[in-house]
Amino acid sequence: MDLRRLEHLLALAEERHFGRAADQVHLSQPAFSRSIQAIESELELRLFDREIGDVRPTPAGDFVIKRARRLLFDARCLARDVELFRESRLGDTAFGAGPILAATLMPDVLAALRSQYPGISLRVEVSNWQQLLERLKEEDIEFFVADASELPDDPALDIRSMGRQQGSFYVRAGHPLSGHACTLAQAWTFGVAAFRLPHAVKAALAKLLGLPAGAPLVLALECDDIGLLRSIAMATDTVLASTDVAASDSVKIGAMQRLQVRGLPALYSQMGLVSLRNRTLSPTAQRVIQGIETYFPQVGASK
């Protein structure tokens, strides 16, 4: 089985157009067409239906495309693993972090790594778990750490539970609600700012607010930058929904206060470390993970 032809097969499945697919793999269109014809001839199967302006995989094509993706993934893993085995040295890595852990955990982890391994090169993607999962499957990052409570049950993923972080509501010092207990409905009238909340947290808040079944929980501001959310909450009467550890520095200096919300259930983010199963991590990625495991217990995690 020619791996280059399988790459051509996947390019055509992605582009659904011979010209664009040929450009993607840097071949002339006649050469690309011959490559597709060759693999169809070799397999004795018609893999694509060709119509004017439209190329679609046949049922046999869908079957082969799925297997080809896995085969090429394994081939890339083999090439990478051989290189890592041969080199056996630190180099660079790219990984992802959810907004909360980027603000609370990564400063300590990255500072320690830069001090201990000044020669390494790191790229950190900060986003929500949905986008980080896409980056992981595209192999643009080696792993990510984020709220893992809603990750799909995917056999291709290796998910390592790291522990929970409790969340609460916070307001600026001198806020009309500070200093006394209030209801969630009263807090909501000031507008709530939050990062993307897990479905279970949204459901618990919607129930406490008495929203009809299926009614959306409307946030005044949703953003993956916890620093920006804190700034808005401290500059206005907006109420901040945050993990306790992410708000702790502002609370310590008296800039923010935790709201006493009557009837509020315990709210948690379940943090996890996510990588691709059967994928050998680079030495640098392994050092980063060691740092994460060292510092995570210090940022308010609970089992």
C-alpha atoms as a PDB file:
ATOM      1  CA  MET A   1       0.000   0.000   0.000  1.00  0.00           C
ATOM      2  CA  ASP A   2       1.557   3.297  -1.152  1.00  0.00           C
ATOM      3  CA  LEU A   3       1.206   5.842   1.678  1.00  0.00           C
ATOM      4  CA  ARG A   4       1.580   8.745  -0.738  1.00  0.00           C
ATOM      5  CA  ARG A   5      -1.427   7.543  -2.701  1.00  0.00           C
ATOM      6  CA  LEU A   6      -3.375   7.269   0.530  1.00  0.00           C
ATOM      7  CA  GLU A   7      -2.486  10.906   1.233  1.00  0.00           C
ATOM      8  CA  HIS A   8      -3.841  11.766  -2.213  1.00  0.00           C
ATOM      9  CA  LEU A   9      -7.000   9.817  -1.388  1.00  0.00           C
ATOM     10  CA  LEU A  10      -7.558  11.826   1.801  1.00  0.00           C
ATOM     11  CA  ALA A  11      -6.856  15.109   0.011  1.00  0.00           C
ATOM     12  CA  LEU A  12      -9.589  14.339  -2.536  1.00  0.00           C
ATOM     13  CA  ALA A  13     -11.974  13.250   0.231  1.00  0.00           C
ATOM     14  CA  GLU A  14     -11.373  16.579   1.966  1.00  0.00           C
ATOM     15  CA  GLU A  15     -11.468  18.909  -1.031  1.00  0.00           C
ATOM     16  CA  ARG A  16     -14.103  17.025  -3.131  1.00  0.00           C
ATOM     17  CA  HIS A  17     -12.387  18.585  -6.168  1.00  0.00           C
ATOM     18  CA  PHE A  18      -9.513  17.171  -8.241  1.00  0.00           C
ATOM     19  CA  GLY A  19      -7.887  20.536  -8.938  1.00  0.00           C
ATOM     20  CA  ARG A  20      -7.867  21.746  -5.349  1.00  0.00           C
ATOM     21  CA  ALA A  21      -6.761  18.340  -4.042  1.00  0.00           C
ATOM     22  CA  ALA A  22      -3.906  18.251  -6.568  1.00  0.00           C
ATOM     23  CA  ASP A  23      -2.778  21.708  -5.401  1.00  0.00           C
ATOM     24  CA  GLN A  24      -2.899  20.554  -1.784  1.00  0.00           C
ATOM     25  CA  VAL A  25      -0.436  17.703  -2.420  1.00  0.00           C
ATOM     26  CA  HIS A  26       1.642  19.726  -4.924  1.00  0.00           C
ATOM     27  CA  LEU A  27       0.911  17.612  -8.009  1.00  0.00           C
ATOM     28  CA  SER A  28      -0.364  18.465 -11.446  1.00  0.00           C
ATOM     29  CA  GLN A  29      -3.998  17.528 -11.932  1.00  0.00           C
ATOM     30  CA  PRO A  30      -3.220  14.808 -14.531  1.00  0.00           C
ATOM     31  CA  ALA A  31      -0.647  13.206 -12.197  1.00  0.00           C
ATOM     32  CA  PHE A  32      -3.067  13.410  -9.290  1.00  0.00           C
ATOM     33  CA  SER A  33      -5.864  11.810 -11.337  1.00  0.00           C
ATOM     34  CA  ARG A  34      -3.522   8.971 -12.326  1.00  0.00           C
ATOM     35  CA  SER A  35      -2.682   8.397  -8.663  1.00  0.00           C
ATOM     36  CA  ILE A  36      -6.366   8.073  -7.717  1.00  0.00           C
ATOM     37  CA  GLN A  37      -7.008   5.784 -10.680  1.00  0.00           C
ATOM     38  CA  ALA A  38      -4.034   3.649  -9.654  1.00  0.00           C
ATOM     39  CA  ILE A  39      -5.293   3.065  -6.126  1.00  0.00           C
ATOM     40  CA  GLU A  40      -8.794   2.271  -7.424  1.00  0.00           C
ATOM     41  CA  SER A  41      -7.252  -0.207  -9.845  1.00  0.00           C
ATOM     42  CA  GLU A  42      -5.083  -1.731  -7.139  1.00  0.00           C
ATOM     43  CA  LEU A  43      -8.044  -2.190  -4.777  1.00  0.00           C
ATOM     44  CA  GLU A  44     -10.443  -3.122  -7.606  1.00  0.00           C
ATOM     45  CA  LEU A  45     -12.976  -0.699  -6.116  1.00  0.00           C
ATOM     46  CA  ARG A  46     -14.563   2.540  -7.300  1.00  0.00           C
ATOM     47  CA  LEU A  47     -13.783   4.960  -4.469  1.00  0.00           C
ATOM     48  CA  PHE A  48     -15.291   8.185  -5.845  1.00  0.00           C
ATOM     49  CA  ASP A  49     -18.296   9.104  -7.955  1.00  0.00           C
ATOM     50  CA  ARG A  50     -17.273  11.787 -10.400  1.00  0.00           C
ATOM     51  CA  GLU A  51     -19.762  14.279 -11.725  1.00  0.00           C
ATOM     52  CA  ILE A  52     -19.268  17.729 -13.195  1.00  0.00           C
ATOM     53  CA  GLY A  53     -18.080  19.962 -10.376  1.00  0.00           C
ATOM     54  CA  ASP A  54     -18.809  17.330  -7.759  1.00  0.00           C
ATOM     55  CA  VAL A  55     -16.701  14.460  -6.383  1.00  0.00           C
ATOM     56  CA  ARG A  56     -18.172  12.235  -3.686  1.00  0.00           C
ATOM     57  CA  PRO A  57     -16.850   9.090  -1.970  1.00  0.00           C
ATOM     58  CA  THR A  58     -18.717   5.884  -2.709  1.00  0.00           C
ATOM     59  CA  PRO A  59     -19.605   3.564   0.224  1.00  0.00           C
ATOM     60  CA  ALA A  60     -16.396   1.668  -0.567  1.00  0.00           C
ATOM     61  CA  GLY A  61     -14.572   5.004  -0.602  1.00  0.00           C
ATOM     62  CA  ASP A  62     -15.884   5.931   2.837  1.00  0.00           C
ATOM     63  CA  PHE A  63     -14.655   2.580   4.167  1.00  0.00           C
ATOM     64  CA  VAL A  64     -11.173   2.949   2.668  1.00  0.00           C
ATOM     65  CA  ILE A  65     -10.884   6.619   3.680  1.00  0.00           C
ATOM     66  CA  LYS A  66     -11.579   5.770   7.314  1.00  0.00           C
ATOM     67  CA  ARG A  67      -8.912   3.050   7.331  1.00  0.00           C
ATOM     68  CA  ALA A  68      -6.470   5.279   5.446  1.00  0.00           C
ATOM     69  CA  ARG A  69      -6.742   8.014   8.081  1.00  0.00           C
ATOM     70  CA  ARG A  70      -5.780   5.549  10.784  1.00  0.00           C
ATOM     71  CA  LEU A  71      -2.955   4.047   8.732  1.00  0.00           C
ATOM     72  CA  LEU A  72      -1.424   7.439   7.971  1.00  0.00           C
ATOM     73  CA  PHE A  73      -1.807   8.507  11.599  1.00  0.00           C
ATOM     74  CA  ASP A  74       0.069   5.370  12.699  1.00  0.00           C
ATOM     75  CA  ALA A  75       2.742   6.017  10.083  1.00  0.00           C
ATOM     76  CA  ARG A  76       3.290   9.554  11.391  1.00  0.00           C
ATOM     77  CA  CYS A  77       3.426   8.225  14.955  1.00  0.00           C
ATOM     78  CA  LEU A  78       6.022   5.656  13.928  1.00  0.00           C
ATOM     79  CA  ALA A  79       8.187   8.282  12.238  1.00  0.00           C
ATOM     80  CA  ARG A  80       7.932  10.561  15.271  1.00  0.00           C
ATOM     81  CA  ASP A  81       8.610   7.767  17.759  1.00  0.00           C
ATOM     82  CA  VAL A  82      11.691   6.646  15.834  1.00  0.00           C
ATOM     83  CA  GLU A  83      12.980  10.222  15.823  1.00  0.00           C
ATOM     84  CA  LEU A  84      12.382  10.598  19.551  1.00  0.00           C
ATOM     85  CA  PHE A  85      14.082   7.265  20.239  1.00  0.00           C
ATOM     86  CA  ARG A  86      17.057   8.251  18.075  1.00  0.00           C
ATOM     87  CA  GLU A  87      17.453  11.773  19.446  1.00  0.00           C
ATOM     88  CA  SER A  88      16.390  11.132  23.052  1.00  0.00           C
ATOM     89  CA  ARG A  89      16.673  14.794  23.941  1.00  0.00           C
ATOM     90  CA  LEU A  90      14.559  17.785  24.885  1.00  0.00           C
ATOM     91  CA  GLY A  91      13.371  20.039  22.109  1.00  0.00           C
ATOM     92  CA  ASP A  92      10.033  21.774  21.742  1.00  0.00           C
ATOM     93  CA  THR A  93       6.334  21.097  22.180  1.00  0.00           C
ATOM     94  CA  ALA A  94       2.932  22.669  21.724  1.00  0.00           C
ATOM     95  CA  PHE A  95       0.086  22.078  24.156  1.00  0.00           C
ATOM     96  CA  GLY A  96      -3.205  23.639  25.216  1.00  0.00           C
ATOM     97  CA  ALA A  97      -4.674  25.023  28.424  1.00  0.00           C
ATOM     98  CA  GLY A  98      -8.223  25.969  29.339  1.00  0.00           C
ATOM     99  CA  PRO A  99      -8.814  29.566  30.474  1.00  0.00           C
ATOM    100  CA  ILE A 100      -8.895  28.814  34.207  1.00  0.00           C
ATOM    101  CA  LEU A 101      -5.738  26.705  34.269  1.00  0.00           C
ATOM    102  CA  ALA A 102      -3.983  29.134  31.932  1.00  0.00           C
ATOM    103  CA  ALA A 103      -4.521  31.864  34.528  1.00  0.00           C
ATOM    104  CA  THR A 104      -3.916  29.875  37.702  1.00  0.00           C
ATOM    105  CA  LEU A 105      -1.604  26.957  36.928  1.00  0.00           C
ATOM    106  CA  MET A 106       0.462  27.845  33.882  1.00  0.00           C
ATOM    107  CA  PRO A 107       2.390  30.817  35.349  1.00  0.00           C
ATOM    108  CA  ASP A 108       4.068  28.574  37.945  1.00  0.00           C
ATOM    109  CA  VAL A 109       4.557  25.660  35.546  1.00  0.00           C
ATOM    110  CA  LEU A 110       6.040  27.762  32.760  1.00  0.00           C
ATOM    111  CA  ALA A 111       8.270  29.774  35.089  1.00  0.00           C
ATOM    112  CA  ALA A 112       9.707  26.560  36.546  1.00  0.00           C
ATOM    113  CA  LEU A 113      10.282  25.078  33.090  1.00  0.00           C
ATOM    114  CA  ARG A 114      11.964  28.212  31.779  1.00  0.00           C
ATOM    115  CA  SER A 115      14.277  28.255  34.802  1.00  0.00           C
ATOM    116  CA  GLN A 116      15.132  24.559  34.677  1.00  0.00           C
ATOM    117  CA  TYR A 117      15.220  24.068  30.880  1.00  0.00           C
ATOM    118  CA  PRO A 118      16.065  27.430  29.270  1.00  0.00           C
ATOM    119  CA  GLY A 119      16.803  25.763  25.925  1.00  0.00           C
ATOM    120  CA  ILE A 120      13.322  24.405  25.300  1.00  0.00           C
ATOM    121  CA  SER A 121      10.728  26.004  23.039  1.00  0.00           C
ATOM    122  CA  LEU A 122       7.069  26.012  24.093  1.00  0.00           C
ATOM    123  CA  ARG A 123       3.850  27.046  22.353  1.00  0.00           C
ATOM    124  CA  VAL A 124       0.728  27.267  24.507  1.00  0.00           C
ATOM    125  CA  GLU A 125      -2.785  27.443  23.025  1.00  0.00           C
ATOM    126  CA  VAL A 126      -5.302  29.003  25.458  1.00  0.00           C
ATOM    127  CA  SER A 127      -8.931  28.245  24.628  1.00  0.00           C
ATOM    128  CA  ASN A 128     -12.007  26.250  25.664  1.00  0.00           C
ATOM    129  CA  TRP A 129     -11.951  22.458  25.552  1.00  0.00           C
ATOM    130  CA  GLN A 130     -13.934  22.227  22.298  1.00  0.00           C
ATOM    131  CA  GLN A 131     -11.353  24.158  20.313  1.00  0.00           C
ATOM    132  CA  LEU A 132      -8.440  22.483  22.084  1.00  0.00           C
ATOM    133  CA  LEU A 133      -9.884  19.075  21.209  1.00  0.00           C
ATOM    134  CA  GLU A 134      -9.961  20.043  17.538  1.00  0.00           C
ATOM    135  CA  ARG A 135      -6.326  21.179  17.744  1.00  0.00           C
ATOM    136  CA  LEU A 136      -5.375  17.897  19.417  1.00  0.00           C
ATOM    137  CA  LYS A 137      -7.082  15.770  16.749  1.00  0.00           C
ATOM    138  CA  GLU A 138      -5.351  17.836  14.069  1.00  0.00           C
ATOM    139  CA  GLU A 139      -2.078  17.003  15.882  1.00  0.00           C
ATOM    140  CA  ASP A 140      -1.263  20.683  16.216  1.00  0.00           C
ATOM    141  CA  ILE A 141      -0.807  20.210  19.981  1.00  0.00           C
ATOM    142  CA  GLU A 142       0.429  17.151  21.912  1.00  0.00           C
ATOM    143  CA  PHE A 143      -2.014  17.421  24.822  1.00  0.00           C
ATOM    144  CA  PHE A 144      -4.169  19.891  26.710  1.00  0.00           C
ATOM    145  CA  VAL A 145      -5.373  20.544  30.256  1.00  0.00           C
ATOM    146  CA  ALA A 146      -8.874  21.934  30.755  1.00  0.00           C
ATOM    147  CA  ASP A 147     -12.317  21.256  32.159  1.00  0.00           C
ATOM    148  CA  ALA A 148     -12.909  17.683  30.994  1.00  0.00           C
ATOM    149  CA  SER A 149     -16.436  17.151  32.338  1.00  0.00           C
ATOM    150  CA  GLU A 150     -18.057  17.305  28.894  1.00  0.00           C
ATOM    151  CA  LEU A 151     -15.440  15.572  26.774  1.00  0.00           C
ATOM    152  CA  PRO A 152     -16.937  12.920  24.463  1.00  0.00           C
ATOM    153  CA  ASP A 153     -16.432   9.231  25.157  1.00  0.00           C
ATOM    154  CA  ASP A 154     -13.866   8.768  22.400  1.00  0.00           C
ATOM    155  CA  PRO A 155     -11.603   5.677  22.339  1.00  0.00           C
ATOM    156  CA  ALA A 156      -8.952   7.752  20.571  1.00  0.00           C
ATOM    157  CA  LEU A 157      -8.519   9.953  23.671  1.00  0.00           C
ATOM    158  CA  ASP A 158      -6.560   9.313  26.834  1.00  0.00           C
ATOM    159  CA  ILE A 159      -8.155  11.418  29.603  1.00  0.00           C
ATOM    160  CA  ARG A 160      -6.399  11.638  32.956  1.00  0.00           C
ATOM    161  CA  SER A 161      -8.489  13.121  35.770  1.00  0.00           C
ATOM    162  CA  MET A 162      -6.633  15.786  37.748  1.00  0.00           C
ATOM    163  CA  GLY A 163      -9.241  16.788  40.317  1.00  0.00           C
ATOM    164  CA  ARG A 164     -11.967  19.382  40.789  1.00  0.00           C
ATOM    165  CA  GLN A 165     -11.952  23.134  41.350  1.00  0.00           C
ATOM    166  CA  GLN A 166     -14.917  24.677  43.121  1.00  0.00           C
ATOM    167  CA  GLY A 167     -16.607  27.750  41.736  1.00  0.00           C
ATOM    168  CA  SER A 168     -18.544  30.670  43.225  1.00  0.00           C
ATOM    169  CA  PHE A 169     -19.819  34.155  42.406  1.00  0.00           C
ATOM    170  CA  TYR A 170     -17.705  37.252  43.084  1.00  0.00           C
ATOM    171  CA  VAL A 171     -18.276  41.005  43.036  1.00  0.00           C
ATOM    172  CA  ARG A 172     -16.097  44.085  43.425  1.00  0.00           C
ATOM    173  CA  ALA A 173     -15.567  45.637  46.824  1.00  0.00           C
ATOM    174  CA  GLY A 174     -18.438  48.022  47.554  1.00  0.00           C
ATOM    175  CA  HIS A 175     -20.867  46.236  45.231  1.00  0.00           C
ATOM    176  CA  PRO A 176     -24.556  46.672  46.200  1.00  0.00           C
ATOM    177  CA  LEU A 177     -24.750  42.936  46.998  1.00  0.00           C
ATOM    178  CA  SER A 178     -21.544  42.667  49.003  1.00  0.00           C
ATOM    179  CA  GLY A 179     -21.670  42.026  52.725  1.00  0.00           C
ATOM    180  CA  HIS A 180     -25.008  40.222  52.888  1.00  0.00           C
ATOM    181  CA  ALA A 181     -26.703  37.105  51.540  1.00  0.00           C
ATOM    182  CA  CYS A 182     -28.695  37.322  48.316  1.00  0.00           C
ATOM    183  CA  THR A 183     -30.568  35.065  45.930  1.00  0.00           C
ATOM    184  CA  LEU A 184     -29.185  33.940  42.594  1.00  0.00           C
ATOM    185  CA  ALA A 185     -31.967  35.890  40.880  1.00  0.00           C
ATOM    186  CA  GLN A 186     -30.803  39.091  42.599  1.00  0.00           C
ATOM    187  CA  ALA A 187     -27.234  38.452  41.469  1.00  0.00           C
ATOM    188  CA  TRP A 188     -28.404  37.752  37.927  1.00  0.00           C
ATOM    189  CA  THR A 189     -30.069  41.165  37.628  1.00  0.00           C
ATOM    190  CA  PHE A 190     -26.598  42.752  37.629  1.00  0.00           C
ATOM    191  CA  GLY A 191     -25.444  40.560  34.745  1.00  0.00           C
ATOM    192  CA  VAL A 192     -23.097  37.600  35.112  1.00  0.00           C
ATOM    193  CA  ALA A 193     -19.728  37.264  33.389  1.00  0.00           C
ATOM    194  CA  ALA A 194     -18.168  33.813  33.015  1.00  0.00           C
ATOM    195  CA  PHE A 195     -15.993  31.581  30.905  1.00  0.00           C
ATOM    196  CA  ARG A 196     -17.822  28.837  28.996  1.00  0.00           C
ATOM    197  CA  LEU A 197     -19.677  26.973  31.739  1.00  0.00           C
ATOM    198  CA  PRO A 198     -20.072  23.163  31.790  1.00  0.00           C
ATOM    199  CA  HIS A 199     -23.553  21.919  30.937  1.00  0.00           C
ATOM    200  CA  ALA A 200     -24.069  20.515  34.451  1.00  0.00           C
ATOM    201  CA  VAL A 201     -23.283  23.913  36.003  1.00  0.00           C
ATOM    202  CA  LYS A 202     -25.643  25.683  33.594  1.00  0.00           C
ATOM    203  CA  ALA A 203     -28.403  23.201  34.404  1.00  0.00           C
ATOM    204  CA  ALA A 204     -27.955  23.704  38.164  1.00  0.00           C
ATOM    205  CA  LEU A 205     -28.061  27.496  37.802  1.00  0.00           C
ATOM    206  CA  ALA A 206     -31.080  27.401  35.489  1.00  0.00           C
ATOM    207  CA  LYS A 207     -32.947  25.239  37.996  1.00  0.00           C
ATOM    208  CA  LEU A 208     -32.118  27.601  40.866  1.00  0.00           C
ATOM    209  CA  LEU A 209     -33.287  30.570  38.774  1.00  0.00           C
ATOM    210  CA  GLY A 210     -36.546  28.759  38.070  1.00  0.00           C
ATOM    211  CA  LEU A 211     -36.142  28.863  34.289  1.00  0.00           C
ATOM    212  CA  PRO A 212     -38.534  26.726  32.207  1.00  0.00           C
ATOM    213  CA  ALA A 213     -37.143  23.423  30.956  1.00  0.00           C
ATOM    214  CA  GLY A 214     -34.988  24.007  27.893  1.00  0.00           C
ATOM    215  CA  ALA A 215     -34.811  27.785  28.377  1.00  0.00           C
ATOM    216  CA  PRO A 216     -31.299  29.157  27.711  1.00  0.00           C
ATOM    217  CA  LEU A 217     -29.188  30.516  30.541  1.00  0.00           C
ATOM    218  CA  VAL A 218     -28.218  33.985  29.345  1.00  0.00           C
ATOM    219  CA  LEU A 219     -24.856  35.398  30.433  1.00  0.00           C
ATOM    220  CA  ALA A 220     -24.080  39.089  30.211  1.00  0.00           C
ATOM    221  CA  LEU A 221     -20.528  38.318  29.107  1.00  0.00           C
ATOM    222  CA  GLU A 222     -18.908  35.036  28.082  1.00  0.00           C
ATOM    223  CA  CYS A 223     -15.183  34.980  27.443  1.00  0.00           C
ATOM    224  CA  ASP A 224     -12.266  32.532  27.661  1.00  0.00           C
ATOM    225  CA  ASP A 225      -9.983  35.231  29.135  1.00  0.00           C
ATOM    226  CA  ILE A 226     -10.439  35.101  32.921  1.00  0.00           C
ATOM    227  CA  GLY A 227      -8.228  38.179  33.387  1.00  0.00           C
ATOM    228  CA  LEU A 228     -10.568  40.217  31.186  1.00  0.00           C
ATOM    229  CA  LEU A 229     -13.608  38.905  33.069  1.00  0.00           C
ATOM    230  CA  ARG A 230     -12.065  39.927  36.409  1.00  0.00           C
ATOM    231  CA  SER A 231     -11.289  43.396  35.082  1.00  0.00           C
ATOM    232  CA  ILE A 232     -14.884  43.938  33.966  1.00  0.00           C
ATOM    233  CA  ALA A 233     -16.250  42.708  37.313  1.00  0.00           C
ATOM    234  CA  MET A 234     -13.954  45.038  39.265  1.00  0.00           C
ATOM    235  CA  ALA A 235     -14.803  48.035  37.068  1.00  0.00           C
ATOM    236  CA  THR A 236     -18.596  47.555  37.029  1.00  0.00           C
ATOM    237  CA  ASP A 237     -21.417  45.931  38.999  1.00  0.00           C
ATOM    238  CA  THR A 238     -21.169  42.809  36.832  1.00  0.00           C
ATOM    239  CA  VAL A 239     -21.078  39.593  38.859  1.00  0.00           C
ATOM    240  CA  LEU A 240     -18.181  37.236  38.117  1.00  0.00           C
ATOM    241  CA  ALA A 241     -18.696  33.452  37.997  1.00  0.00           C
ATOM    242  CA  SER A 242     -15.287  31.909  38.584  1.00  0.00           C
ATOM    243  CA  THR A 243     -13.428  29.091  40.227  1.00  0.00           C
ATOM    244  CA  ASP A 244     -12.314  30.094  43.711  1.00  0.00           C
ATOM    245  CA  VAL A 245      -8.627  29.778  42.881  1.00  0.00           C
ATOM    246  CA  ALA A 246      -8.935  32.117  39.880  1.00  0.00           C
ATOM    247  CA  ALA A 247     -10.452  34.828  42.085  1.00  0.00           C
ATOM    248  CA  SER A 248      -8.238  34.247  45.143  1.00  0.00           C
ATOM    249  CA  ASP A 249      -5.619  36.928  44.384  1.00  0.00           C
ATOM    250  CA  SER A 250      -8.287  39.628  43.976  1.00  0.00           C
ATOM    251  CA  VAL A 251      -9.973  38.496  47.200  1.00  0.00           C
ATOM    252  CA  LYS A 252      -6.690  38.549  49.148  1.00  0.00           C
ATOM    253  CA  ILE A 253      -6.039  42.202  48.311  1.00  0.00           C
ATOM    254  CA  GLY A 254      -9.657  43.166  49.063  1.00  0.00           C
ATOM    255  CA  ALA A 255     -10.538  44.067  45.485  1.00  0.00           C
ATOM    256  CA  MET A 256     -13.267  41.414  45.246  1.00  0.00           C
ATOM    257  CA  GLN A 257     -15.590  39.575  47.616  1.00  0.00           C
ATOM    258  CA  ARG A 258     -17.276  36.218  47.391  1.00  0.00           C
ATOM    259  CA  LEU A 259     -21.058  36.510  47.176  1.00  0.00           C
ATOM    260  CA  GLN A 260     -23.185  34.694  49.717  1.00  0.00           C
ATOM    261  CA  VAL A 261     -25.839  33.181  47.446  1.00  0.00           C
ATOM    262  CA  ARG A 262     -28.650  31.432  49.304  1.00  0.00           C
ATOM    263  CA  GLY A 263     -29.408  27.892  48.154  1.00  0.00           C
ATOM    264  CA  LEU A 264     -26.457  27.738  45.767  1.00  0.00           C
ATOM    265  CA  PRO A 265     -25.329  24.115  45.266  1.00  0.00           C
ATOM    266  CA  ALA A 266     -21.657  23.178  45.121  1.00  0.00           C
ATOM    267  CA  LEU A 267     -20.383  24.002  41.636  1.00  0.00           C
ATOM    268  CA  TYR A 268     -17.242  22.379  40.255  1.00  0.00           C
ATOM    269  CA  SER A 269     -15.050  22.248  37.185  1.00  0.00           C
ATOM    270  CA  GLN A 270     -13.584  18.767  36.642  1.00  0.00           C
ATOM    271  CA  MET A 271     -10.072  19.235  35.317  1.00  0.00           C
ATOM    272  CA  GLY A 272      -8.358  16.686  33.105  1.00  0.00           C
ATOM    273  CA  LEU A 273      -5.241  16.141  31.027  1.00  0.00           C
ATOM    274  CA  VAL A 274      -6.108  14.974  27.503  1.00  0.00           C
ATOM    275  CA  SER A 275      -3.851  13.385  24.897  1.00  0.00           C
ATOM    276  CA  LEU A 276      -4.191  10.994  21.974  1.00  0.00           C
ATOM    277  CA  ARG A 277      -4.156   7.337  22.951  1.00  0.00           C
ATOM    278  CA  ASN A 278      -1.219   5.256  21.686  1.00  0.00           C
ATOM    279  CA  ARG A 279       0.726   8.415  20.879  1.00  0.00           C
ATOM    280  CA  THR A 280       4.223   8.772  22.322  1.00  0.00           C
ATOM    281  CA  LEU A 281       4.654  12.204  23.869  1.00  0.00           C
ATOM    282  CA  SER A 282       7.849  14.112  23.195  1.00  0.00           C
ATOM    283  CA  PRO A 283      10.379  14.443  26.041  1.00  0.00           C
ATOM    284  CA  THR A 284       9.491  18.134  26.366  1.00  0.00           C
ATOM    285  CA  ALA A 285       5.772  17.355  26.652  1.00  0.00           C
ATOM    286  CA  GLN A 286       6.538  14.831  29.367  1.00  0.00           C
ATOM    287  CA  ARG A 287       8.497  17.493  31.299  1.00  0.00           C
ATOM    288  CA  VAL A 288       5.570  19.915  30.991  1.00  0.00           C
ATOM    289  CA  ILE A 289       3.153  17.265  32.289  1.00  0.00           C
ATOM    290  CA  GLN A 290       5.464  16.575  35.241  1.00  0.00           C
ATOM    291  CA  GLY A 291       5.365  20.276  36.061  1.00  0.00           C
ATOM    292  CA  ILE A 292       1.570  20.341  35.789  1.00  0.00           C
ATOM    293  CA  GLU A 293       1.258  17.370  38.140  1.00  0.00           C
ATOM    294  CA  THR A 294       3.632  19.048  40.598  1.00  0.00           C
ATOM    295  CA  TYR A 295       1.876  22.401  40.765  1.00  0.00           C
ATOM    296  CA  PHE A 296      -1.771  21.440  40.254  1.00  0.00           C
ATOM    297  CA  PRO A 297      -2.355  20.411  43.925  1.00  0.00           C
ATOM    298  CA  GLN A 298      -1.221  23.904  44.904  1.00  0.00           C
ATOM    299  CA  VAL A 299      -4.016  25.673  43.014  1.00  0.00           C
ATOM    300  CA  GLY A 300      -6.969  24.549  45.074  1.00  0.00           C
ATOM    301  CA  ALA A 301      -7.766  21.141  43.568  1.00  0.00           C
ATOM    302  CA  SER A 302      -9.955  18.669  45.399  1.00  0.00           C
ATOM    303  CA  LYS A 303     -10.741  15.038  44.643  1.00  0.00           C
END
